[in-house]
PDB file of all heavy atoms in Angstrom:
ATOM      1  N   ALA A   1       0.844  -1.200   0.000  1.00  0.00           N
ATOM      2  CA  ALA A   1       0.000   0.000   0.000  1.00  0.00           C
ATOM      3  C   ALA A   1       0.876   1.247   0.000  1.00  0.00           C
ATOM      4  O   ALA A   1       1.717   1.411   0.889  1.00  0.00           O
ATOM      5  CB  ALA A   1      -0.912   0.001   1.215  1.00  0.00           C
ATOM      6  N   PRO A   2       0.697   2.121  -0.986  1.00  0.00           N
ATOM      7  CA  PRO A   2       1.525   3.340  -1.040  1.00  0.00           C
ATOM      8  C   PRO A   2       1.117   4.382  -0.009  1.00  0.00           C
ATOM      9  O   PRO A   2       1.869   5.315   0.270  1.00  0.00           O
ATOM     10  CB  PRO A   2       1.288   3.851  -2.464  1.00  0.00           C
ATOM     11  CG  PRO A   2      -0.076   3.343  -2.820  1.00  0.00           C
ATOM     12  CD  PRO A   2      -0.219   2.026  -2.128  1.00  0.00           C
ATOM     13  N   PHE A   3      -0.086   4.225   0.549  1.00  0.00           N
ATOM     14  CA  PHE A   3      -0.605   5.127   1.581  1.00  0.00           C
ATOM     15  C   PHE A   3      -1.750   4.407   2.267  1.00  0.00           C
ATOM     16  O   PHE A   3      -2.177   3.320   1.825  1.00  0.00           O
ATOM     17  CB  PHE A   3      -1.065   6.466   0.993  1.00  0.00           C
ATOM     18  CG  PHE A   3      -1.797   6.340  -0.322  1.00  0.00           C
ATOM     19  CD1 PHE A   3      -3.118   5.892  -0.373  1.00  0.00           C
ATOM     20  CD2 PHE A   3      -1.154   6.644  -1.521  1.00  0.00           C
ATOM     21  CE1 PHE A   3      -3.786   5.765  -1.565  1.00  0.00           C
ATOM     22  CE2 PHE A   3      -1.830   6.514  -2.730  1.00  0.00           C
ATOM     23  CZ  PHE A   3      -3.142   6.073  -2.759  1.00  0.00           C
ATOM     24  N   ASP A   4      -2.243   4.954   3.350  1.00  0.00           N
ATOM     25  CA  ASP A   4      -3.417   4.363   3.992  1.00  0.00           C
ATOM     26  C   ASP A   4      -4.561   4.391   2.986  1.00  0.00           C
ATOM     27  O   ASP A   4      -4.943   5.461   2.488  1.00  0.00           O
ATOM     28  CB  ASP A   4      -3.810   5.153   5.239  1.00  0.00           C
ATOM     29  CG  ASP A   4      -2.804   5.008   6.362  1.00  0.00           C
ATOM     30  OD1 ASP A   4      -1.917   4.140   6.245  1.00  0.00           O
ATOM     31  OD2 ASP A   4      -2.905   5.754   7.351  1.00  0.00           O
ATOM     32  N   CYS A   5      -5.110   3.216   2.674  1.00  0.00           N
ATOM     33  CA  CYS A   5      -6.063   3.151   1.568  1.00  0.00           C
ATOM     34  C   CYS A   5      -7.092   2.050   1.791  1.00  0.00           C
ATOM     35  O   CYS A   5      -7.008   1.283   2.758  1.00  0.00           O
ATOM     36  CB  CYS A   5      -5.319   2.900   0.252  1.00  0.00           C
ATOM     37  SG  CYS A   5      -4.413   1.329   0.230  1.00  0.00           S
ATOM     38  N   PHE A   6      -8.039   1.998   0.881  1.00  0.00           N
ATOM     39  CA  PHE A   6      -8.979   0.886   0.841  1.00  0.00           C
ATOM     40  C   PHE A   6      -9.174   0.470  -0.614  1.00  0.00           C
ATOM     41  O   PHE A   6      -8.907   1.239  -1.545  1.00  0.00           O
ATOM     42  CB  PHE A   6     -10.317   1.246   1.492  1.00  0.00           C
ATOM     43  CG  PHE A   6     -11.083   2.332   0.785  1.00  0.00           C
ATOM     44  CD1 PHE A   6     -12.026   2.020  -0.188  1.00  0.00           C
ATOM     45  CD2 PHE A   6     -10.870   3.667   1.097  1.00  0.00           C
ATOM     46  CE1 PHE A   6     -12.737   3.017  -0.833  1.00  0.00           C
ATOM     47  CE2 PHE A   6     -11.583   4.669   0.463  1.00  0.00           C
ATOM     48  CZ  PHE A   6     -12.512   4.340  -0.518  1.00  0.00           C
ATOM     49  N   ILE A   7      -9.618  -0.771  -0.798  1.00  0.00           N
ATOM     50  CA  ILE A   7      -9.804  -1.313  -2.135  1.00  0.00           C
ATOM     51  C   ILE A   7     -11.100  -0.763  -2.718  1.00  0.00           C
ATOM     52  O   ILE A   7     -12.182  -0.998  -2.183  1.00  0.00           O
ATOM     53  CB  ILE A   7      -9.855  -2.850  -2.121  1.00  0.00           C
ATOM     54  CG1 ILE A   7      -8.626  -3.420  -1.413  1.00  0.00           C
ATOM     55  CG2 ILE A   7      -9.978  -3.398  -3.530  1.00  0.00           C
ATOM     56  CD1 ILE A   7      -7.312  -3.079  -2.054  1.00  0.00           C
ATOM     57  N   SER A   8     -10.974  -0.025  -3.795  1.00  0.00           N
ATOM     58  CA  SER A   8     -12.153   0.543  -4.439  1.00  0.00           C
ATOM     59  C   SER A   8     -12.663  -0.352  -5.562  1.00  0.00           C
ATOM     60  O   SER A   8     -13.871  -0.437  -5.787  1.00  0.00           O
ATOM     61  CB  SER A   8     -11.840   1.935  -4.994  1.00  0.00           C
ATOM     62  OG  SER A   8     -12.950   2.474  -5.671  1.00  0.00           O
ATOM     63  N   ASP A   9     -11.753  -1.027  -6.247  1.00  0.00           N
ATOM     64  CA  ASP A   9     -12.171  -1.896  -7.344  1.00  0.00           C
ATOM     65  C   ASP A   9     -11.141  -3.010  -7.519  1.00  0.00           C
ATOM     66  O   ASP A   9      -9.936  -2.805  -7.288  1.00  0.00           O
ATOM     67  CB  ASP A   9     -12.307  -1.107  -8.644  1.00  0.00           C
ATOM     68  CG  ASP A   9     -13.322  -1.723  -9.597  1.00  0.00           C
ATOM     69  OD1 ASP A   9     -13.748  -2.874  -9.345  1.00  0.00           O
ATOM     70  OD2 ASP A   9     -13.686  -1.061 -10.583  1.00  0.00           O
ATOM     71  N   ILE A  10     -11.611  -4.200  -7.930  1.00  0.00           N
ATOM     72  CA  ILE A  10     -10.755  -5.374  -8.137  1.00  0.00           C
ATOM     73  C   ILE A  10     -10.954  -5.835  -9.577  1.00  0.00           C
ATOM     74  O   ILE A  10     -12.076  -6.124  -9.988  1.00  0.00           O
ATOM     75  CB  ILE A  10     -11.117  -6.504  -7.154  1.00  0.00           C
ATOM     76  CG1 ILE A  10     -10.965  -6.015  -5.709  1.00  0.00           C
ATOM     77  CG2 ILE A  10     -10.243  -7.730  -7.406  1.00  0.00           C
ATOM     78  CD1 ILE A  10     -11.455  -7.021  -4.677  1.00  0.00           C
ATOM     79  N   PHE A  11      -9.847  -5.880 -10.336  1.00  0.00           N
ATOM     80  CA  PHE A  11      -9.946  -6.205 -11.756  1.00  0.00           C
ATOM     81  C   PHE A  11      -9.566  -7.650 -12.078  1.00  0.00           C
ATOM     82  O   PHE A  11      -9.902  -8.151 -13.155  1.00  0.00           O
ATOM     83  CB  PHE A  11      -9.046  -5.260 -12.567  1.00  0.00           C
ATOM     84  CG  PHE A  11      -9.295  -3.804 -12.293  1.00  0.00           C
ATOM     85  CD1 PHE A  11      -8.272  -2.995 -11.820  1.00  0.00           C
ATOM     86  CD2 PHE A  11     -10.542  -3.242 -12.475  1.00  0.00           C
ATOM     87  CE1 PHE A  11      -8.490  -1.647 -11.570  1.00  0.00           C
ATOM     88  CE2 PHE A  11     -10.775  -1.903 -12.230  1.00  0.00           C
ATOM     89  CZ  PHE A  11      -9.748  -1.101 -11.765  1.00  0.00           C
ATOM     90  N   LYS A  12      -8.830  -8.302 -11.201  1.00  0.00           N
ATOM     91  CA  LYS A  12      -8.370  -9.666 -11.441  1.00  0.00           C
ATOM     92  C   LYS A  12      -8.696 -10.542 -10.237  1.00  0.00           C
ATOM     93  O   LYS A  12      -9.127 -10.056  -9.193  1.00  0.00           O
ATOM     94  CB  LYS A  12      -6.868  -9.692 -11.716  1.00  0.00           C
ATOM     95  CG  LYS A  12      -6.442  -8.928 -12.963  1.00  0.00           C
ATOM     96  CD  LYS A  12      -7.006  -9.559 -14.229  1.00  0.00           C
ATOM     97  CE  LYS A  12      -6.601  -8.786 -15.470  1.00  0.00           C
ATOM     98  NZ  LYS A  12      -7.142  -9.401 -16.706  1.00  0.00           N
ATOM     99  N   ASN A  13      -8.445 -11.850 -10.408  1.00  0.00           N
ATOM    100  CA  ASN A  13      -8.686 -12.814  -9.338  1.00  0.00           C
ATOM    101  C   ASN A  13      -7.426 -13.624  -9.059  1.00  0.00           C
ATOM    102  O   ASN A  13      -6.535 -13.744  -9.919  1.00  0.00           O
ATOM    103  CB  ASN A  13      -9.821 -13.772  -9.721  1.00  0.00           C
ATOM    104  CG  ASN A  13     -11.136 -13.059  -9.933  1.00  0.00           C
ATOM    105  OD1 ASN A  13     -11.571 -12.281  -9.088  1.00  0.00           O
ATOM    106  ND2 ASN A  13     -11.760 -13.309 -11.075  1.00  0.00           N
ATOM    107  N   SER A  14      -7.350 -14.153  -7.875  1.00  0.00           N
ATOM    108  CA  SER A  14      -6.229 -15.028  -7.517  1.00  0.00           C
ATOM    109  C   SER A  14      -6.176 -16.201  -8.489  1.00  0.00           C
ATOM    110  O   SER A  14      -7.203 -16.765  -8.877  1.00  0.00           O
ATOM    111  CB  SER A  14      -6.399 -15.545  -6.093  1.00  0.00           C
ATOM    112  OG  SER A  14      -6.341 -14.482  -5.160  1.00  0.00           O
ATOM    113  N   GLY A  15      -4.948 -16.570  -8.906  1.00  0.00           N
ATOM    114  CA  GLY A  15      -4.750 -17.677  -9.839  1.00  0.00           C
ATOM    115  C   GLY A  15      -4.615 -17.241 -11.279  1.00  0.00           C
ATOM    116  O   GLY A  15      -4.140 -18.017 -12.123  1.00  0.00           O
ATOM    117  N   GLU A  16      -5.026 -16.021 -11.612  1.00  0.00           N
ATOM    118  CA  GLU A  16      -4.915 -15.544 -12.993  1.00  0.00           C
ATOM    119  C   GLU A  16      -3.478 -15.183 -13.322  1.00  0.00           C
ATOM    120  O   GLU A  16      -2.691 -14.764 -12.463  1.00  0.00           O
ATOM    121  CB  GLU A  16      -5.816 -14.324 -13.207  1.00  0.00           C
ATOM    122  CG  GLU A  16      -7.297 -14.624 -13.230  1.00  0.00           C
ATOM    123  CD  GLU A  16      -8.108 -13.427 -13.693  1.00  0.00           C
ATOM    124  OE1 GLU A  16      -7.794 -12.882 -14.777  1.00  0.00           O
ATOM    125  OE2 GLU A  16      -9.048 -13.035 -12.982  1.00  0.00           O
ATOM    126  N   ILE A  17      -3.127 -15.352 -14.620  1.00  0.00           N
ATOM    127  CA  ILE A  17      -1.831 -14.932 -15.125  1.00  0.00           C
ATOM    128  C   ILE A  17      -1.949 -13.488 -15.588  1.00  0.00           C
ATOM    129  O   ILE A  17      -2.872 -13.139 -16.343  1.00  0.00           O
ATOM    130  CB  ILE A  17      -1.371 -15.816 -16.302  1.00  0.00           C
ATOM    131  CG1 ILE A  17      -1.342 -17.294 -15.888  1.00  0.00           C
ATOM    132  CG2 ILE A  17      -0.009 -15.368 -16.811  1.00  0.00           C
ATOM    133  CD1 ILE A  17      -0.342 -17.608 -14.805  1.00  0.00           C
ATOM    134  N   VAL A  18      -1.055 -12.652 -15.144  1.00  0.00           N
ATOM    135  CA  VAL A  18      -1.085 -11.232 -15.521  1.00  0.00           C
ATOM    136  C   VAL A  18       0.251 -10.832 -16.118  1.00  0.00           C
ATOM    137  O   VAL A  18       1.296 -11.419 -15.812  1.00  0.00           O
ATOM    138  CB  VAL A  18      -1.406 -10.335 -14.305  1.00  0.00           C
ATOM    139  CG1 VAL A  18      -2.816 -10.575 -13.813  1.00  0.00           C
ATOM    140  CG2 VAL A  18      -0.402 -10.543 -13.188  1.00  0.00           C
ATOM    141  N   SER A  19       0.178  -9.844 -16.955  1.00  0.00           N
ATOM    142  CA  SER A  19       1.387  -9.266 -17.538  1.00  0.00           C
ATOM    143  C   SER A  19       1.778  -8.024 -16.759  1.00  0.00           C
ATOM    144  O   SER A  19       0.947  -7.414 -16.076  1.00  0.00           O
ATOM    145  CB  SER A  19       1.153  -8.911 -19.009  1.00  0.00           C
ATOM    146  OG  SER A  19       0.761 -10.040 -19.757  1.00  0.00           O
ATOM    147  N   ALA A  20       3.030  -7.652 -16.888  1.00  0.00           N
ATOM    148  CA  ALA A  20       3.494  -6.440 -16.222  1.00  0.00           C
ATOM    149  C   ALA A  20       2.691  -5.243 -16.713  1.00  0.00           C
ATOM    150  O   ALA A  20       2.457  -5.089 -17.921  1.00  0.00           O
ATOM    151  CB  ALA A  20       4.981  -6.235 -16.504  1.00  0.00           C
ATOM    152  N   GLY A  21       2.249  -4.428 -15.787  1.00  0.00           N
ATOM    153  CA  GLY A  21       1.491  -3.232 -16.138  1.00  0.00           C
ATOM    154  C   GLY A  21      -0.003  -3.443 -16.269  1.00  0.00           C
ATOM    155  O   GLY A  21      -0.744  -2.472 -16.468  1.00  0.00           O
ATOM    156  N   MET A  22      -0.482  -4.676 -16.140  1.00  0.00           N
ATOM    157  CA  MET A  22      -1.914  -4.948 -16.252  1.00  0.00           C
ATOM    158  C   MET A  22      -2.598  -4.573 -14.936  1.00  0.00           C
ATOM    159  O   MET A  22      -2.246  -5.095 -13.881  1.00  0.00           O
ATOM    160  CB  MET A  22      -2.143  -6.423 -16.568  1.00  0.00           C
ATOM    161  CG  MET A  22      -3.596  -6.788 -16.828  1.00  0.00           C
ATOM    162  SD  MET A  22      -3.767  -8.547 -17.259  1.00  0.00           S
ATOM    163  CE  MET A  22      -2.951  -8.569 -18.865  1.00  0.00           C
ATOM    164  N   PRO A  23      -3.614  -3.688 -14.948  1.00  0.00           N
ATOM    165  CA  PRO A  23      -4.266  -3.259 -13.704  1.00  0.00           C
ATOM    166  C   PRO A  23      -4.912  -4.433 -12.965  1.00  0.00           C
ATOM    167  O   PRO A  23      -5.576  -5.271 -13.583  1.00  0.00           O
ATOM    168  CB  PRO A  23      -5.335  -2.268 -14.181  1.00  0.00           C
ATOM    169  CG  PRO A  23      -4.855  -1.791 -15.509  1.00  0.00           C
ATOM    170  CD  PRO A  23      -4.164  -2.971 -16.120  1.00  0.00           C
ATOM    171  N   VAL A  24      -4.712  -4.457 -11.668  1.00  0.00           N
ATOM    172  CA  VAL A  24      -5.335  -5.498 -10.845  1.00  0.00           C
ATOM    173  C   VAL A  24      -6.217  -4.906  -9.742  1.00  0.00           C
ATOM    174  O   VAL A  24      -7.197  -5.528  -9.333  1.00  0.00           O
ATOM    175  CB  VAL A  24      -4.275  -6.435 -10.223  1.00  0.00           C
ATOM    176  CG1 VAL A  24      -3.573  -7.227 -11.300  1.00  0.00           C
ATOM    177  CG2 VAL A  24      -3.274  -5.662  -9.373  1.00  0.00           C
ATOM    178  N   LEU A  25      -5.869  -3.711  -9.249  1.00  0.00           N
ATOM    179  CA  LEU A  25      -6.616  -3.093  -8.154  1.00  0.00           C
ATOM    180  C   LEU A  25      -6.701  -1.587  -8.348  1.00  0.00           C
ATOM    181  O   LEU A  25      -5.801  -0.973  -8.944  1.00  0.00           O
ATOM    182  CB  LEU A  25      -5.945  -3.360  -6.804  1.00  0.00           C
ATOM    183  CG  LEU A  25      -5.863  -4.792  -6.290  1.00  0.00           C
ATOM    184  CD1 LEU A  25      -4.979  -4.847  -5.052  1.00  0.00           C
ATOM    185  CD2 LEU A  25      -7.251  -5.327  -5.976  1.00  0.00           C
ATOM    186  N   LEU A  26      -7.776  -1.013  -7.827  1.00  0.00           N
ATOM    187  CA  LEU A  26      -7.874   0.441  -7.727  1.00  0.00           C
ATOM    188  C   LEU A  26      -7.897   0.780  -6.250  1.00  0.00           C
ATOM    189  O   LEU A  26      -8.771   0.337  -5.502  1.00  0.00           O
ATOM    190  CB  LEU A  26      -9.139   0.960  -8.399  1.00  0.00           C
ATOM    191  CG  LEU A  26      -9.394   2.474  -8.279  1.00  0.00           C
ATOM    192  CD1 LEU A  26      -8.276   3.259  -8.955  1.00  0.00           C
ATOM    193  CD2 LEU A  26     -10.746   2.860  -8.869  1.00  0.00           C
ATOM    194  N   LEU A  27      -6.916   1.556  -5.810  1.00  0.00           N
ATOM    195  CA  LEU A  27      -6.801   1.960  -4.413  1.00  0.00           C
ATOM    196  C   LEU A  27      -7.208   3.416  -4.269  1.00  0.00           C
ATOM    197  O   LEU A  27      -6.893   4.252  -5.119  1.00  0.00           O
ATOM    198  CB  LEU A  27      -5.366   1.786  -3.916  1.00  0.00           C
ATOM    199  CG  LEU A  27      -4.716   0.412  -4.077  1.00  0.00           C
ATOM    200  CD1 LEU A  27      -3.300   0.443  -3.506  1.00  0.00           C
ATOM    201  CD2 LEU A  27      -5.549  -0.660  -3.403  1.00  0.00           C
ATOM    202  N   LYS A  28      -7.901   3.699  -3.189  1.00  0.00           N
ATOM    203  CA  LYS A  28      -8.243   5.080  -2.873  1.00  0.00           C
ATOM    204  C   LYS A  28      -7.787   5.389  -1.460  1.00  0.00           C
ATOM    205  O   LYS A  28      -7.875   4.543  -0.567  1.00  0.00           O
ATOM    206  CB  LYS A  28      -9.744   5.314  -3.015  1.00  0.00           C
ATOM    207  CG  LYS A  28     -10.212   5.239  -4.461  1.00  0.00           C
ATOM    208  CD  LYS A  28     -11.669   5.591  -4.617  1.00  0.00           C
ATOM    209  CE  LYS A  28     -12.089   5.554  -6.087  1.00  0.00           C
ATOM    210  NZ  LYS A  28     -13.513   5.880  -6.261  1.00  0.00           N
ATOM    211  N   GLN A  29      -7.328   6.575  -1.302  1.00  0.00           N
ATOM    212  CA  GLN A  29      -6.792   6.995  -0.007  1.00  0.00           C
ATOM    213  C   GLN A  29      -7.896   7.030   1.040  1.00  0.00           C
ATOM    214  O   GLN A  29      -8.996   7.520   0.791  1.00  0.00           O
ATOM    215  CB  GLN A  29      -6.142   8.371  -0.130  1.00  0.00           C
ATOM    216  CG  GLN A  29      -5.446   8.844   1.128  1.00  0.00           C
ATOM    217  CD  GLN A  29      -4.779  10.185   0.933  1.00  0.00           C
ATOM    218  OE1 GLN A  29      -5.118  10.924   0.018  1.00  0.00           O
ATOM    219  NE2 GLN A  29      -3.821  10.493   1.785  1.00  0.00           N
ATOM    220  N   GLU A  30      -7.581   6.480   2.192  1.00  0.00           N
ATOM    221  CA  GLU A  30      -8.523   6.565   3.314  1.00  0.00           C
ATOM    222  C   GLU A  30      -8.708   8.031   3.685  1.00  0.00           C
ATOM    223  O   GLU A  30      -7.745   8.742   3.961  1.00  0.00           O
ATOM    224  CB  GLU A  30      -7.990   5.798   4.529  1.00  0.00           C
ATOM    225  CG  GLU A  30      -8.060   4.291   4.381  1.00  0.00           C
ATOM    226  CD  GLU A  30      -9.439   3.748   4.710  1.00  0.00           C
ATOM    227  OE1 GLU A  30     -10.378   4.559   4.823  1.00  0.00           O
ATOM    228  OE2 GLU A  30      -9.569   2.525   4.840  1.00  0.00           O
ATOM    229  N   GLY A  31      -9.961   8.480   3.697  1.00  0.00           N
ATOM    230  CA  GLY A  31     -10.214   9.874   4.040  1.00  0.00           C
ATOM    231  C   GLY A  31      -9.696  10.826   2.999  1.00  0.00           C
ATOM    232  O   GLY A  31      -9.528  12.008   3.273  1.00  0.00           O
ATOM    233  N   GLY A  32      -9.484  10.310   1.812  1.00  0.00           N
ATOM    234  CA  GLY A  32      -8.864  11.126   0.780  1.00  0.00           C
ATOM    235  C   GLY A  32      -9.820  11.734  -0.208  1.00  0.00           C
ATOM    236  O   GLY A  32      -9.412  12.078  -1.309  1.00  0.00           O
ATOM    237  N   TYR A  33     -11.101  11.842   0.141  1.00  0.00           N
ATOM    238  CA  TYR A  33     -12.052  12.452  -0.771  1.00  0.00           C
ATOM    239  C   TYR A  33     -12.215  13.940  -0.480  1.00  0.00           C
ATOM    240  O   TYR A  33     -12.022  14.400   0.641  1.00  0.00           O
ATOM    241  CB  TYR A  33     -13.424  11.791  -0.658  1.00  0.00           C
ATOM    242  CG  TYR A  33     -13.510  10.465  -1.360  1.00  0.00           C
ATOM    243  CD1 TYR A  33     -13.823   9.318  -0.652  1.00  0.00           C
ATOM    244  CD2 TYR A  33     -13.279  10.360  -2.721  1.00  0.00           C
ATOM    245  CE1 TYR A  33     -13.910   8.091  -1.291  1.00  0.00           C
ATOM    246  CE2 TYR A  33     -13.357   9.146  -3.366  1.00  0.00           C
ATOM    247  CZ  TYR A  33     -13.678   8.019  -2.651  1.00  0.00           C
ATOM    248  OH  TYR A  33     -13.755   6.807  -3.280  1.00  0.00           O
ATOM    249  N   LYS A  34     -12.592  14.648  -1.507  1.00  0.00           N
ATOM    250  CA  LYS A  34     -12.943  16.051  -1.351  1.00  0.00           C
ATOM    251  C   LYS A  34     -14.228  16.312  -2.120  1.00  0.00           C
ATOM    252  O   LYS A  34     -14.568  15.589  -3.065  1.00  0.00           O
ATOM    253  CB  LYS A  34     -11.825  16.958  -1.864  1.00  0.00           C
ATOM    254  CG  LYS A  34     -11.531  16.798  -3.349  1.00  0.00           C
ATOM    255  CD  LYS A  34     -10.462  17.768  -3.809  1.00  0.00           C
ATOM    256  CE  LYS A  34     -10.207  17.601  -5.320  1.00  0.00           C
ATOM    257  NZ  LYS A  34      -9.231  18.609  -5.820  1.00  0.00           N
ATOM    258  N   ALA A  35     -14.947  17.302  -1.689  1.00  0.00           N
ATOM    259  CA  ALA A  35     -16.168  17.722  -2.372  1.00  0.00           C
ATOM    260  C   ALA A  35     -15.902  19.070  -3.026  1.00  0.00           C
ATOM    261  O   ALA A  35     -15.401  19.994  -2.377  1.00  0.00           O
ATOM    262  CB  ALA A  35     -17.325  17.834  -1.382  1.00  0.00           C
TER     263      ALA A  35
END
């Protein structure tokens, strides 16, 4: 985790073969929203 965060979206599943640079997760900063 690059910062305190939570999982916003999951693009892959355990067991899948992935290539370098292929998105697997979307992380959002905890308390990191603004209006």
